[in-house]
Amino acid sequence: YFGGTLLGTGGLVHAYTESSSMAVSSATTIVK
């Protein structure tokens, strides 16, 4: 959801990395 302020390429990379990392860290993993 865009908040009105441009984050720049570095800011976007950080945001997408951080949010996806947090979701992955909270996931339950299994071995197949």
PDB file of all heavy atoms in Angstrom:
ATOM      1  N   TYR A   1       0.862  -1.177   0.000  1.00  0.00           N
ATOM      2  CA  TYR A   1       0.000   0.000   0.000  1.00  0.00           C
ATOM      3  C   TYR A   1       0.898   1.226   0.000  1.00  0.00           C
ATOM      4  O   TYR A   1       1.669   1.444   0.942  1.00  0.00           O
ATOM      5  CB  TYR A   1      -0.902   0.014   1.242  1.00  0.00           C
ATOM      6  CG  TYR A   1      -2.013  -1.000   1.221  1.00  0.00           C
ATOM      7  CD1 TYR A   1      -1.821  -2.284   1.723  1.00  0.00           C
ATOM      8  CD2 TYR A   1      -3.262  -0.672   0.707  1.00  0.00           C
ATOM      9  CE1 TYR A   1      -2.838  -3.216   1.707  1.00  0.00           C
ATOM     10  CE2 TYR A   1      -4.295  -1.604   0.687  1.00  0.00           C
ATOM     11  CZ  TYR A   1      -4.074  -2.869   1.196  1.00  0.00           C
ATOM     12  OH  TYR A   1      -5.090  -3.784   1.183  1.00  0.00           O
ATOM     13  N   PHE A   2       0.809   2.026  -1.043  1.00  0.00           N
ATOM     14  CA  PHE A   2       1.688   3.181  -1.191  1.00  0.00           C
ATOM     15  C   PHE A   2       1.303   4.271  -0.196  1.00  0.00           C
ATOM     16  O   PHE A   2       0.144   4.656  -0.075  1.00  0.00           O
ATOM     17  CB  PHE A   2       1.609   3.720  -2.617  1.00  0.00           C
ATOM     18  CG  PHE A   2       2.527   4.874  -2.893  1.00  0.00           C
ATOM     19  CD1 PHE A   2       3.898   4.757  -2.690  1.00  0.00           C
ATOM     20  CD2 PHE A   2       2.018   6.081  -3.348  1.00  0.00           C
ATOM     21  CE1 PHE A   2       4.753   5.817  -2.962  1.00  0.00           C
ATOM     22  CE2 PHE A   2       2.863   7.140  -3.621  1.00  0.00           C
ATOM     23  CZ  PHE A   2       4.233   7.003  -3.422  1.00  0.00           C
ATOM     24  N   GLY A   3       2.327   4.798   0.497  1.00  0.00           N
ATOM     25  CA  GLY A   3       2.071   5.795   1.525  1.00  0.00           C
ATOM     26  C   GLY A   3       2.297   7.227   1.101  1.00  0.00           C
ATOM     27  O   GLY A   3       2.196   8.146   1.921  1.00  0.00           O
ATOM     28  N   GLY A   4       2.628   7.435  -0.172  1.00  0.00           N
ATOM     29  CA  GLY A   4       2.783   8.805  -0.663  1.00  0.00           C
ATOM     30  C   GLY A   4       4.209   9.290  -0.746  1.00  0.00           C
ATOM     31  O   GLY A   4       4.482  10.338  -1.330  1.00  0.00           O
ATOM     32  N   THR A   5       5.143   8.544  -0.165  1.00  0.00           N
ATOM     33  CA  THR A   5       6.556   8.939  -0.189  1.00  0.00           C
ATOM     34  C   THR A   5       7.362   7.905  -0.966  1.00  0.00           C
ATOM     35  O   THR A   5       7.286   6.708  -0.671  1.00  0.00           O
ATOM     36  CB  THR A   5       7.129   9.038   1.240  1.00  0.00           C
ATOM     37  OG1 THR A   5       6.372  10.000   1.981  1.00  0.00           O
ATOM     38  CG2 THR A   5       8.599   9.447   1.209  1.00  0.00           C
ATOM     39  N   LEU A   6       8.119   8.367  -1.954  1.00  0.00           N
ATOM     40  CA  LEU A   6       8.965   7.457  -2.724  1.00  0.00           C
ATOM     41  C   LEU A   6      10.109   6.961  -1.851  1.00  0.00           C
ATOM     42  O   LEU A   6      10.747   7.744  -1.144  1.00  0.00           O
ATOM     43  CB  LEU A   6       9.510   8.168  -3.970  1.00  0.00           C
ATOM     44  CG  LEU A   6       8.466   8.620  -4.998  1.00  0.00           C
ATOM     45  CD1 LEU A   6       9.146   9.404  -6.124  1.00  0.00           C
ATOM     46  CD2 LEU A   6       7.713   7.431  -5.558  1.00  0.00           C
ATOM     47  N   LEU A   7      10.381   5.676  -1.916  1.00  0.00           N
ATOM     48  CA  LEU A   7      11.400   5.087  -1.053  1.00  0.00           C
ATOM     49  C   LEU A   7      12.742   4.916  -1.752  1.00  0.00           C
ATOM     50  O   LEU A   7      13.748   4.637  -1.090  1.00  0.00           O
ATOM     51  CB  LEU A   7      10.918   3.722  -0.539  1.00  0.00           C
ATOM     52  CG  LEU A   7       9.609   3.718   0.244  1.00  0.00           C
ATOM     53  CD1 LEU A   7       9.289   2.305   0.713  1.00  0.00           C
ATOM     54  CD2 LEU A   7       9.664   4.674   1.420  1.00  0.00           C
ATOM     55  N   GLY A   8      12.781   5.059  -3.071  1.00  0.00           N
ATOM     56  CA  GLY A   8      14.030   4.827  -3.793  1.00  0.00           C
ATOM     57  C   GLY A   8      14.296   3.337  -3.941  1.00  0.00           C
ATOM     58  O   GLY A   8      13.709   2.505  -3.239  1.00  0.00           O
ATOM     59  N   THR A   9      15.209   2.986  -4.842  1.00  0.00           N
ATOM     60  CA  THR A   9      15.461   1.566  -5.093  1.00  0.00           C
ATOM     61  C   THR A   9      16.006   0.850  -3.857  1.00  0.00           C
ATOM     62  O   THR A   9      15.603  -0.267  -3.548  1.00  0.00           O
ATOM     63  CB  THR A   9      16.428   1.390  -6.270  1.00  0.00           C
ATOM     64  OG1 THR A   9      17.645   2.100  -5.991  1.00  0.00           O
ATOM     65  CG2 THR A   9      15.826   1.931  -7.562  1.00  0.00           C
ATOM     66  N   GLY A  10      16.922   1.514  -3.147  1.00  0.00           N
ATOM     67  CA  GLY A  10      17.480   0.891  -1.947  1.00  0.00           C
ATOM     68  C   GLY A  10      16.429   0.669  -0.880  1.00  0.00           C
ATOM     69  O   GLY A  10      16.407  -0.376  -0.219  1.00  0.00           O
ATOM     70  N   GLY A  11      15.544   1.644  -0.708  1.00  0.00           N
ATOM     71  CA  GLY A  11      14.481   1.515   0.275  1.00  0.00           C
ATOM     72  C   GLY A  11      13.502   0.414  -0.073  1.00  0.00           C
ATOM     73  O   GLY A  11      13.030  -0.323   0.807  1.00  0.00           O
ATOM     74  N   LEU A  12      13.205   0.281  -1.365  1.00  0.00           N
ATOM     75  CA  LEU A  12      12.289  -0.774  -1.793  1.00  0.00           C
ATOM     76  C   LEU A  12      12.905  -2.161  -1.591  1.00  0.00           C
ATOM     77  O   LEU A  12      12.239  -3.077  -1.106  1.00  0.00           O
ATOM     78  CB  LEU A  12      11.921  -0.581  -3.268  1.00  0.00           C
ATOM     79  CG  LEU A  12      10.994   0.599  -3.577  1.00  0.00           C
ATOM     80  CD1 LEU A  12      10.855   0.777  -5.080  1.00  0.00           C
ATOM     81  CD2 LEU A  12       9.631   0.393  -2.931  1.00  0.00           C
ATOM     82  N   VAL A  13      14.165  -2.319  -1.966  1.00  0.00           N
ATOM     83  CA  VAL A  13      14.838  -3.603  -1.765  1.00  0.00           C
ATOM     84  C   VAL A  13      14.822  -3.977  -0.286  1.00  0.00           C
ATOM     85  O   VAL A  13      14.534  -5.126   0.081  1.00  0.00           O
ATOM     86  CB  VAL A  13      16.282  -3.562  -2.296  1.00  0.00           C
ATOM     87  CG1 VAL A  13      17.061  -4.803  -1.852  1.00  0.00           C
ATOM     88  CG2 VAL A  13      16.291  -3.453  -3.810  1.00  0.00           C
ATOM     89  N   HIS A  14      15.109  -3.003   0.570  1.00  0.00           N
ATOM     90  CA  HIS A  14      15.088  -3.272   2.015  1.00  0.00           C
ATOM     91  C   HIS A  14      13.689  -3.680   2.469  1.00  0.00           C
ATOM     92  O   HIS A  14      13.524  -4.645   3.237  1.00  0.00           O
ATOM     93  CB  HIS A  14      15.530  -2.025   2.785  1.00  0.00           C
ATOM     94  CG  HIS A  14      15.262  -2.112   4.256  1.00  0.00           C
ATOM     95  ND1 HIS A  14      16.030  -2.881   5.117  1.00  0.00           N
ATOM     96  CD2 HIS A  14      14.289  -1.550   5.034  1.00  0.00           C
ATOM     97  CE1 HIS A  14      15.556  -2.781   6.338  1.00  0.00           C
ATOM     98  NE2 HIS A  14      14.501  -1.979   6.321  1.00  0.00           N
ATOM     99  N   ALA A  15      12.663  -2.965   2.003  1.00  0.00           N
ATOM    100  CA  ALA A  15      11.295  -3.233   2.450  1.00  0.00           C
ATOM    101  C   ALA A  15      10.823  -4.613   2.017  1.00  0.00           C
ATOM    102  O   ALA A  15      10.234  -5.367   2.815  1.00  0.00           O
ATOM    103  CB  ALA A  15      10.354  -2.162   1.908  1.00  0.00           C
ATOM    104  N   TYR A  16      11.081  -4.967   0.770  1.00  0.00           N
ATOM    105  CA  TYR A  16      10.634  -6.277   0.291  1.00  0.00           C
ATOM    106  C   TYR A  16      11.449  -7.407   0.910  1.00  0.00           C
ATOM    107  O   TYR A  16      10.919  -8.494   1.184  1.00  0.00           O
ATOM    108  CB  TYR A  16      10.685  -6.329  -1.240  1.00  0.00           C
ATOM    109  CG  TYR A  16       9.531  -5.587  -1.874  1.00  0.00           C
ATOM    110  CD1 TYR A  16       9.698  -4.319  -2.421  1.00  0.00           C
ATOM    111  CD2 TYR A  16       8.268  -6.147  -1.891  1.00  0.00           C
ATOM    112  CE1 TYR A  16       8.629  -3.633  -2.981  1.00  0.00           C
ATOM    113  CE2 TYR A  16       7.176  -5.476  -2.441  1.00  0.00           C
ATOM    114  CZ  TYR A  16       7.370  -4.216  -2.980  1.00  0.00           C
ATOM    115  OH  TYR A  16       6.295  -3.537  -3.517  1.00  0.00           O
ATOM    116  N   THR A  17      12.719  -7.155   1.148  1.00  0.00           N
ATOM    117  CA  THR A  17      13.547  -8.166   1.814  1.00  0.00           C
ATOM    118  C   THR A  17      13.103  -8.365   3.260  1.00  0.00           C
ATOM    119  O   THR A  17      12.926  -9.498   3.725  1.00  0.00           O
ATOM    120  CB  THR A  17      15.029  -7.768   1.787  1.00  0.00           C
ATOM    121  OG1 THR A  17      15.466  -7.637   0.436  1.00  0.00           O
ATOM    122  CG2 THR A  17      15.892  -8.791   2.498  1.00  0.00           C
ATOM    123  N   GLU A  18      12.914  -7.267   3.964  1.00  0.00           N
ATOM    124  CA  GLU A  18      12.569  -7.344   5.385  1.00  0.00           C
ATOM    125  C   GLU A  18      11.201  -7.994   5.603  1.00  0.00           C
ATOM    126  O   GLU A  18      11.052  -8.873   6.452  1.00  0.00           O
ATOM    127  CB  GLU A  18      12.572  -5.940   5.983  1.00  0.00           C
ATOM    128  CG  GLU A  18      12.236  -5.873   7.474  1.00  0.00           C
ATOM    129  CD  GLU A  18      13.330  -6.457   8.345  1.00  0.00           C
ATOM    130  OE1 GLU A  18      14.454  -6.668   7.846  1.00  0.00           O
ATOM    131  OE2 GLU A  18      13.063  -6.701   9.537  1.00  0.00           O
ATOM    132  N   SER A  19      10.213  -7.577   4.841  1.00  0.00           N
ATOM    133  CA  SER A  19       8.863  -8.124   5.047  1.00  0.00           C
ATOM    134  C   SER A  19       8.806  -9.608   4.703  1.00  0.00           C
ATOM    135  O   SER A  19       8.220 -10.411   5.452  1.00  0.00           O
ATOM    136  CB  SER A  19       7.839  -7.349   4.215  1.00  0.00           C
ATOM    137  OG  SER A  19       8.182  -7.355   2.846  1.00  0.00           O
ATOM    138  N   SER A  20       9.416 -10.004   3.585  1.00  0.00           N
ATOM    139  CA  SER A  20       9.396 -11.427   3.218  1.00  0.00           C
ATOM    140  C   SER A  20      10.221 -12.267   4.186  1.00  0.00           C
ATOM    141  O   SER A  20       9.846 -13.396   4.519  1.00  0.00           O
ATOM    142  CB  SER A  20       9.887 -11.614   1.783  1.00  0.00           C
ATOM    143  OG  SER A  20      11.166 -11.073   1.582  1.00  0.00           O
ATOM    144  N   SER A  21      11.328 -11.709   4.691  1.00  0.00           N
ATOM    145  CA  SER A  21      12.140 -12.435   5.675  1.00  0.00           C
ATOM    146  C   SER A  21      11.354 -12.699   6.946  1.00  0.00           C
ATOM    147  O   SER A  21      11.432 -13.793   7.531  1.00  0.00           O
ATOM    148  CB  SER A  21      13.406 -11.640   6.009  1.00  0.00           C
ATOM    149  OG  SER A  21      14.270 -11.558   4.908  1.00  0.00           O
ATOM    150  N   MET A  22      10.602 -11.700   7.384  1.00  0.00           N
ATOM    151  CA  MET A  22       9.810 -11.861   8.598  1.00  0.00           C
ATOM    152  C   MET A  22       8.735 -12.939   8.418  1.00  0.00           C
ATOM    153  O   MET A  22       8.497 -13.766   9.307  1.00  0.00           O
ATOM    154  CB  MET A  22       9.167 -10.532   8.988  1.00  0.00           C
ATOM    155  CG  MET A  22      10.154  -9.490   9.498  1.00  0.00           C
ATOM    156  SD  MET A  22       9.375  -7.866   9.765  1.00  0.00           S
ATOM    157  CE  MET A  22       8.131  -8.283  10.992  1.00  0.00           C
ATOM    158  N   ALA A  23       8.082 -12.953   7.241  1.00  0.00           N
ATOM    159  CA  ALA A  23       7.045 -13.953   6.994  1.00  0.00           C
ATOM    160  C   ALA A  23       7.640 -15.352   6.920  1.00  0.00           C
ATOM    161  O   ALA A  23       7.070 -16.314   7.448  1.00  0.00           O
ATOM    162  CB  ALA A  23       6.291 -13.617   5.710  1.00  0.00           C
ATOM    163  N   VAL A  24       8.797 -15.466   6.269  1.00  0.00           N
ATOM    164  CA  VAL A  24       9.453 -16.774   6.178  1.00  0.00           C
ATOM    165  C   VAL A  24       9.896 -17.247   7.558  1.00  0.00           C
ATOM    166  O   VAL A  24       9.757 -18.429   7.902  1.00  0.00           O
ATOM    167  CB  VAL A  24      10.653 -16.707   5.208  1.00  0.00           C
ATOM    168  CG1 VAL A  24      11.532 -17.946   5.347  1.00  0.00           C
ATOM    169  CG2 VAL A  24      10.171 -16.570   3.776  1.00  0.00           C
ATOM    170  N   SER A  25      10.411 -16.339   8.369  1.00  0.00           N
ATOM    171  CA  SER A  25      10.881 -16.705   9.706  1.00  0.00           C
ATOM    172  C   SER A  25       9.758 -17.220  10.596  1.00  0.00           C
ATOM    173  O   SER A  25       9.983 -18.068  11.468  1.00  0.00           O
ATOM    174  CB  SER A  25      11.562 -15.506  10.375  1.00  0.00           C
ATOM    175  OG  SER A  25      12.729 -15.132   9.674  1.00  0.00           O
ATOM    176  N   SER A  26       8.546 -16.720  10.366  1.00  0.00           N
ATOM    177  CA  SER A  26       7.417 -17.152  11.196  1.00  0.00           C
ATOM    178  C   SER A  26       6.712 -18.389  10.647  1.00  0.00           C
ATOM    179  O   SER A  26       5.804 -18.924  11.291  1.00  0.00           O
ATOM    180  CB  SER A  26       6.399 -16.017  11.326  1.00  0.00           C
ATOM    181  OG  SER A  26       5.808 -15.714  10.073  1.00  0.00           O
ATOM    182  N   ALA A  27       7.133 -18.864   9.479  1.00  0.00           N
ATOM    183  CA  ALA A  27       6.484 -20.026   8.866  1.00  0.00           C
ATOM    184  C   ALA A  27       6.936 -21.322   9.527  1.00  0.00           C
ATOM    185  O   ALA A  27       8.071 -21.442   9.992  1.00  0.00           O
ATOM    186  CB  ALA A  27       6.800 -20.074   7.372  1.00  0.00           C
ATOM    187  N   THR A  28       6.042 -22.286   9.561  1.00  0.00           N
ATOM    188  CA  THR A  28       6.382 -23.638  10.007  1.00  0.00           C
ATOM    189  C   THR A  28       6.870 -24.426   8.801  1.00  0.00           C
ATOM    190  O   THR A  28       6.185 -24.481   7.775  1.00  0.00           O
ATOM    191  CB  THR A  28       5.167 -24.337  10.619  1.00  0.00           C
ATOM    192  OG1 THR A  28       4.711 -23.577  11.748  1.00  0.00           O
ATOM    193  CG2 THR A  28       5.517 -25.741  11.075  1.00  0.00           C
ATOM    194  N   THR A  29       8.047 -25.007   8.909  1.00  0.00           N
ATOM    195  CA  THR A  29       8.618 -25.731   7.783  1.00  0.00           C
ATOM    196  C   THR A  29       8.568 -27.242   8.013  1.00  0.00           C
ATOM    197  O   THR A  29       8.558 -27.707   9.159  1.00  0.00           O
ATOM    198  CB  THR A  29      10.076 -25.318   7.525  1.00  0.00           C
ATOM    199  OG1 THR A  29      10.868 -25.557   8.707  1.00  0.00           O
ATOM    200  CG2 THR A  29      10.160 -23.846   7.151  1.00  0.00           C
ATOM    201  N   ILE A  30       8.512 -27.969   6.916  1.00  0.00           N
ATOM    202  CA  ILE A  30       8.527 -29.428   6.959  1.00  0.00           C
ATOM    203  C   ILE A  30       9.475 -29.936   5.878  1.00  0.00           C
ATOM    204  O   ILE A  30       9.767 -29.224   4.927  1.00  0.00           O
ATOM    205  CB  ILE A  30       7.124 -30.036   6.741  1.00  0.00           C
ATOM    206  CG1 ILE A  30       6.528 -29.547   5.405  1.00  0.00           C
ATOM    207  CG2 ILE A  30       6.206 -29.720   7.902  1.00  0.00           C
ATOM    208  CD1 ILE A  30       5.226 -30.211   5.039  1.00  0.00           C
ATOM    209  N   VAL A  31       9.945 -31.152   6.047  1.00  0.00           N
ATOM    210  CA  VAL A  31      10.795 -31.795   5.050  1.00  0.00           C
ATOM    211  C   VAL A  31       9.963 -32.792   4.262  1.00  0.00           C
ATOM    212  O   VAL A  31       9.253 -33.620   4.849  1.00  0.00           O
ATOM    213  CB  VAL A  31      11.990 -32.516   5.704  1.00  0.00           C
ATOM    214  CG1 VAL A  31      12.819 -33.238   4.643  1.00  0.00           C
ATOM    215  CG2 VAL A  31      12.861 -31.523   6.468  1.00  0.00           C
ATOM    216  N   LYS A  32      10.014 -32.697   2.932  1.00  0.00           N
ATOM    217  CA  LYS A  32       9.358 -33.678   2.082  1.00  0.00           C
ATOM    218  C   LYS A  32      10.431 -34.547   1.427  1.00  0.00           C
ATOM    219  O   LYS A  32      11.447 -34.034   0.966  1.00  0.00           O
ATOM    220  CB  LYS A  32       8.500 -32.997   1.013  1.00  0.00           C
ATOM    221  CG  LYS A  32       7.216 -32.386   1.563  1.00  0.00           C
ATOM    222  CD  LYS A  32       6.264 -32.017   0.454  1.00  0.00           C
ATOM    223  CE  LYS A  32       4.920 -31.575   1.013  1.00  0.00           C
ATOM    224  NZ  LYS A  32       3.934 -31.287  -0.074  1.00  0.00           N
TER     225      LYS A  32
END
